Amino acid sequence: MSSRELVLGRVRRALADVPPDDTPYESAVARDYLREHGERDAEETVALLAENLADYRAIVHRCAEDELPSLLARLLAERKAASVLVPPGLEEAWLAETDVARVADRAESGAHELDEVDSVVTACAVAVAETGTIVLDGGPDQGRRRITLVPDHHVCVVRVPGQVVSSVPQALERLDPARPLTWISGPSATSDIELDRVEGVHGPRTLEVILVG
């Protein structure tokens, strides 16, 4: 018997005495918990997102829509990036002012190939102000999960205020649980036994977030 069969067998035995008309899962747990902490308008929510992103050591930029191409070009130049990984659905105009070599998001790309890429630029699905979190769902302008975990430099574009919510419950309402969700709160970081912070162990060492709007 495989581990899967063993676990499923235990689940079936645990549910054996549950009547067919028992309370549906969606109604079994009360959802009347606090949905956000405090009342904020859109600008205050975006400001809180920027504050919490910075607290997690992400580098935060704000710009207007027409300033985005020049800002992305400057960030890649400051990074001395020779290559940038581009999801297939990313707006072409975003990178119109940089001549950095584009690398396509290909299913056959392995970790070693992705590790040679200097930067990756993506959009996001939603951003959570209270936790300073950006969420990717593998959409066309975000690409596969691995492209934001292997390269050392990730630039993520967030449209404000449209993609910004106050809380995790509000974010979950916008997300499809069947999609590959990646929740990012700052650059990848961990601590060793002496509590020395080390960044870049299991994800980008540098996260830059551009709030556009």
Protein backbone atom coordinates (compact mmCIF):
# COMPACT_ATOMS: atom_id res chain seq x y z
CA MET A 1 0.00 0.00 0.00
CA SER A 2 1.37 3.39 -1.00
CA SER A 3 1.47 6.37 1.34
CA ARG A 4 -1.29 7.99 -0.71
CA GLU A 5 -3.56 4.98 -0.33
CA LEU A 6 -2.79 4.83 3.38
CA VAL A 7 -3.74 8.48 3.94
CA LEU A 8 -6.90 8.26 1.83
CA GLY A 9 -7.92 5.11 3.69
CA ARG A 10 -7.64 6.95 7.00
CA VAL A 11 -9.74 9.82 5.63
CA ARG A 12 -12.47 7.41 4.47
CA ARG A 13 -12.58 5.71 7.86
CA ALA A 14 -12.79 9.06 9.63
CA LEU A 15 -15.73 10.09 7.43
CA ALA A 16 -17.54 6.75 7.58
CA ASP A 17 -20.11 7.92 10.14
CA VAL A 18 -20.75 11.36 8.59
CA PRO A 19 -24.30 11.52 7.21
CA PRO A 20 -24.71 12.49 3.55
CA ASP A 21 -26.72 15.58 4.50
CA ASP A 22 -24.11 16.91 6.95
CA THR A 23 -23.20 20.62 6.84
CA PRO A 24 -21.30 21.42 3.60
CA TYR A 25 -17.64 22.35 4.00
CA GLU A 26 -18.28 25.91 2.80
CA SER A 27 -20.72 26.45 5.68
CA ALA A 28 -19.00 24.39 8.37
CA VAL A 29 -16.75 27.22 9.58
CA ALA A 30 -18.09 30.66 10.45
CA ARG A 31 -16.52 33.36 8.28
CA ASP A 32 -17.50 36.29 10.50
CA TYR A 33 -13.95 37.14 11.57
CA LEU A 34 -12.47 40.63 11.22
CA ARG A 35 -11.74 41.25 7.54
CA GLU A 36 -9.35 44.18 7.96
CA HIS A 37 -7.79 46.16 10.79
CA GLY A 38 -8.94 49.77 10.77
CA GLU A 39 -10.54 51.83 8.03
CA ARG A 40 -8.32 53.21 5.28
CA ASP A 41 -8.95 54.87 1.95
CA ALA A 42 -7.17 53.69 -1.20
CA GLU A 43 -4.15 55.97 -0.81
CA GLU A 44 -3.67 55.01 2.83
CA THR A 45 -3.87 51.33 1.89
CA VAL A 46 -1.20 51.76 -0.78
CA ALA A 47 0.99 53.71 1.68
CA LEU A 48 0.67 50.87 4.21
CA LEU A 49 1.68 48.36 1.53
CA ALA A 50 4.77 50.41 0.69
CA GLU A 51 5.68 50.72 4.37
CA ASN A 52 5.36 46.98 5.06
CA LEU A 53 7.19 46.00 1.87
CA ALA A 54 10.11 48.21 2.93
CA ASP A 55 9.97 46.75 6.43
CA TYR A 56 10.57 43.34 4.84
CA ARG A 57 13.60 44.83 3.03
CA ALA A 58 12.00 45.02 -0.39
CA ILE A 59 13.04 48.09 -2.40
CA VAL A 60 9.91 50.10 -3.20
CA HIS A 61 9.46 52.53 -6.10
CA ARG A 62 6.44 54.58 -7.12
CA CYS A 63 5.80 55.98 -10.57
CA ALA A 64 3.12 56.94 -13.06
CA GLU A 65 2.18 54.61 -15.92
CA ASP A 66 4.16 56.55 -18.53
CA GLU A 67 7.26 56.56 -16.30
CA LEU A 68 7.39 52.76 -15.93
CA PRO A 69 9.53 51.95 -19.04
CA SER A 70 12.25 54.44 -18.07
CA LEU A 71 12.21 53.28 -14.42
CA LEU A 72 12.57 49.63 -15.42
CA ALA A 73 15.41 50.54 -17.77
CA ARG A 74 17.17 52.41 -14.96
CA LEU A 75 16.75 49.58 -12.45
CA LEU A 76 18.17 47.01 -14.86
CA ALA A 77 21.06 49.34 -15.72
CA GLU A 78 21.86 49.95 -12.05
CA ARG A 79 21.87 46.18 -11.55
CA LYS A 80 24.21 45.85 -14.56
CA ALA A 81 21.87 43.18 -15.84
CA ALA A 82 22.93 41.59 -19.12
CA SER A 83 19.77 39.48 -19.37
CA VAL A 84 16.20 39.73 -18.15
CA LEU A 85 13.64 36.92 -18.01
CA VAL A 86 10.29 37.96 -19.45
CA PRO A 87 6.95 36.13 -18.97
CA PRO A 88 5.07 35.63 -22.26
CA GLY A 89 2.20 37.96 -21.33
CA LEU A 90 4.22 40.87 -19.97
CA GLU A 91 3.36 44.16 -21.67
CA GLU A 92 6.01 44.83 -24.31
CA ALA A 93 5.94 48.58 -23.63
CA TRP A 94 7.29 48.02 -20.10
CA LEU A 95 10.74 47.09 -21.43
CA ALA A 96 10.69 49.35 -24.48
CA GLU A 97 13.49 51.61 -23.17
CA THR A 98 16.04 48.93 -22.34
CA ASP A 99 18.19 46.88 -24.70
CA VAL A 100 18.95 44.17 -22.13
CA ALA A 101 18.77 40.73 -23.74
CA ARG A 102 15.35 39.11 -23.22
CA VAL A 103 15.13 35.51 -22.03
CA ALA A 104 11.83 33.72 -22.68
CA ASP A 105 9.98 31.78 -19.99
CA ARG A 106 10.31 28.24 -21.40
CA ALA A 107 8.92 25.10 -19.76
CA GLU A 108 12.15 23.20 -20.47
CA SER A 109 14.38 25.76 -18.73
CA GLY A 110 16.11 24.14 -15.77
CA ALA A 111 17.52 25.62 -12.58
CA HIS A 112 21.05 25.99 -13.97
CA GLU A 113 19.81 27.91 -17.01
CA LEU A 114 17.61 30.18 -14.91
CA ASP A 115 20.45 30.80 -12.47
CA GLU A 116 22.42 32.43 -15.28
CA VAL A 117 19.70 35.06 -15.79
CA ASP A 118 20.47 38.38 -14.10
CA SER A 119 16.94 39.69 -13.50
CA VAL A 120 13.28 38.83 -13.92
CA VAL A 121 10.41 41.29 -14.39
CA THR A 122 6.82 40.27 -13.65
CA ALA A 123 3.42 41.67 -12.82
CA CYS A 124 1.39 40.29 -9.90
CA ALA A 125 -2.11 39.03 -9.14
CA VAL A 126 -2.75 40.98 -5.95
CA ALA A 127 -0.86 42.75 -3.14
CA VAL A 128 -1.79 42.71 0.57
CA ALA A 129 -1.15 45.94 2.47
CA GLU A 130 -1.42 44.65 6.05
CA THR A 131 1.20 41.95 5.50
CA GLY A 132 3.38 43.58 2.86
CA THR A 133 2.81 40.61 0.57
CA ILE A 134 2.62 40.30 -3.21
CA VAL A 135 0.92 37.24 -4.68
CA LEU A 136 1.68 35.66 -8.05
CA ASP A 137 -0.74 33.16 -9.60
CA GLY A 138 1.20 32.03 -12.66
CA GLY A 139 -0.76 34.28 -15.02
CA PRO A 140 0.64 35.18 -18.47
CA ASP A 141 2.29 38.36 -17.16
CA GLN A 142 3.84 36.50 -14.19
CA GLY A 143 5.08 33.25 -15.70
CA ARG A 144 5.86 29.97 -14.02
CA ARG A 145 6.72 29.84 -10.31
CA ARG A 146 10.35 28.86 -10.85
CA ILE A 147 11.28 32.01 -12.78
CA THR A 148 10.73 34.12 -9.65
CA LEU A 149 12.54 31.71 -7.33
CA VAL A 150 15.84 31.06 -9.11
CA PRO A 151 17.11 34.42 -10.53
CA ASP A 152 18.75 36.62 -7.90
CA HIS A 153 16.89 39.84 -8.79
CA HIS A 154 13.10 40.13 -9.11
CA VAL A 155 11.29 43.29 -10.17
CA CYS A 156 7.53 43.06 -9.58
CA VAL A 157 5.08 45.63 -10.91
CA VAL A 158 1.90 46.29 -8.89
CA ARG A 159 -0.90 48.41 -10.31
CA VAL A 160 -2.28 50.73 -7.63
CA PRO A 161 -4.81 50.99 -6.27
CA GLY A 162 -6.56 48.32 -8.37
CA GLN A 163 -4.39 45.35 -7.36
CA VAL A 164 -3.99 46.35 -3.70
CA VAL A 165 -6.23 45.05 -0.90
CA SER A 166 -6.02 45.61 2.84
CA SER A 167 -6.04 42.05 4.17
CA VAL A 168 -5.42 38.39 3.43
CA PRO A 169 -9.18 37.52 3.49
CA GLN A 170 -9.78 40.16 0.81
CA ALA A 171 -6.89 38.78 -1.26
CA LEU A 172 -8.23 35.23 -1.06
CA GLU A 173 -11.52 36.39 -2.56
CA ARG A 174 -9.64 37.49 -5.69
CA LEU A 175 -7.49 34.36 -6.07
CA ASP A 176 -8.25 30.99 -7.63
CA PRO A 177 -7.09 28.26 -5.19
CA ALA A 178 -6.58 25.90 -8.13
CA ARG A 179 -3.78 28.10 -9.52
CA PRO A 180 -0.11 27.91 -8.41
CA LEU A 181 -0.02 30.74 -5.86
CA THR A 182 3.28 32.21 -4.69
CA TRP A 183 3.10 34.53 -1.66
CA ILE A 184 6.11 36.84 -1.37
CA SER A 185 6.86 39.05 1.65
CA GLY A 186 10.23 40.63 0.92
CA PRO A 187 13.36 39.00 -0.51
CA SER A 188 14.13 35.39 0.33
CA ALA A 189 15.62 35.24 3.84
CA THR A 190 16.42 32.84 6.65
CA SER A 191 18.47 32.85 9.85
CA ASP A 192 21.18 30.48 10.99
CA ILE A 193 21.54 29.07 14.49
CA GLU A 194 23.07 32.36 15.70
CA LEU A 195 20.10 34.29 14.21
CA ASP A 196 22.25 35.95 11.54
CA ARG A 197 19.98 36.87 8.65
CA VAL A 198 20.95 35.40 5.29
CA GLU A 199 19.18 36.47 2.11
CA GLY A 200 18.89 34.64 -1.19
CA VAL A 201 18.89 31.07 0.13
CA HIS A 202 15.63 29.92 -1.48
CA GLY A 203 14.65 32.80 -3.73
CA PRO A 204 15.80 36.21 -4.99
CA ARG A 205 18.31 38.08 -2.86
CA THR A 206 16.88 41.38 -4.11
CA LEU A 207 13.18 42.17 -4.52
CA GLU A 208 12.16 45.49 -6.08
CA VAL A 209 8.48 46.40 -6.16
CA ILE A 210 7.17 49.15 -8.44
CA LEU A 211 3.82 50.66 -7.45
CA VAL A 212 2.39 52.05 -10.68
CA GLY A 213 -0.44 54.54 -10.60
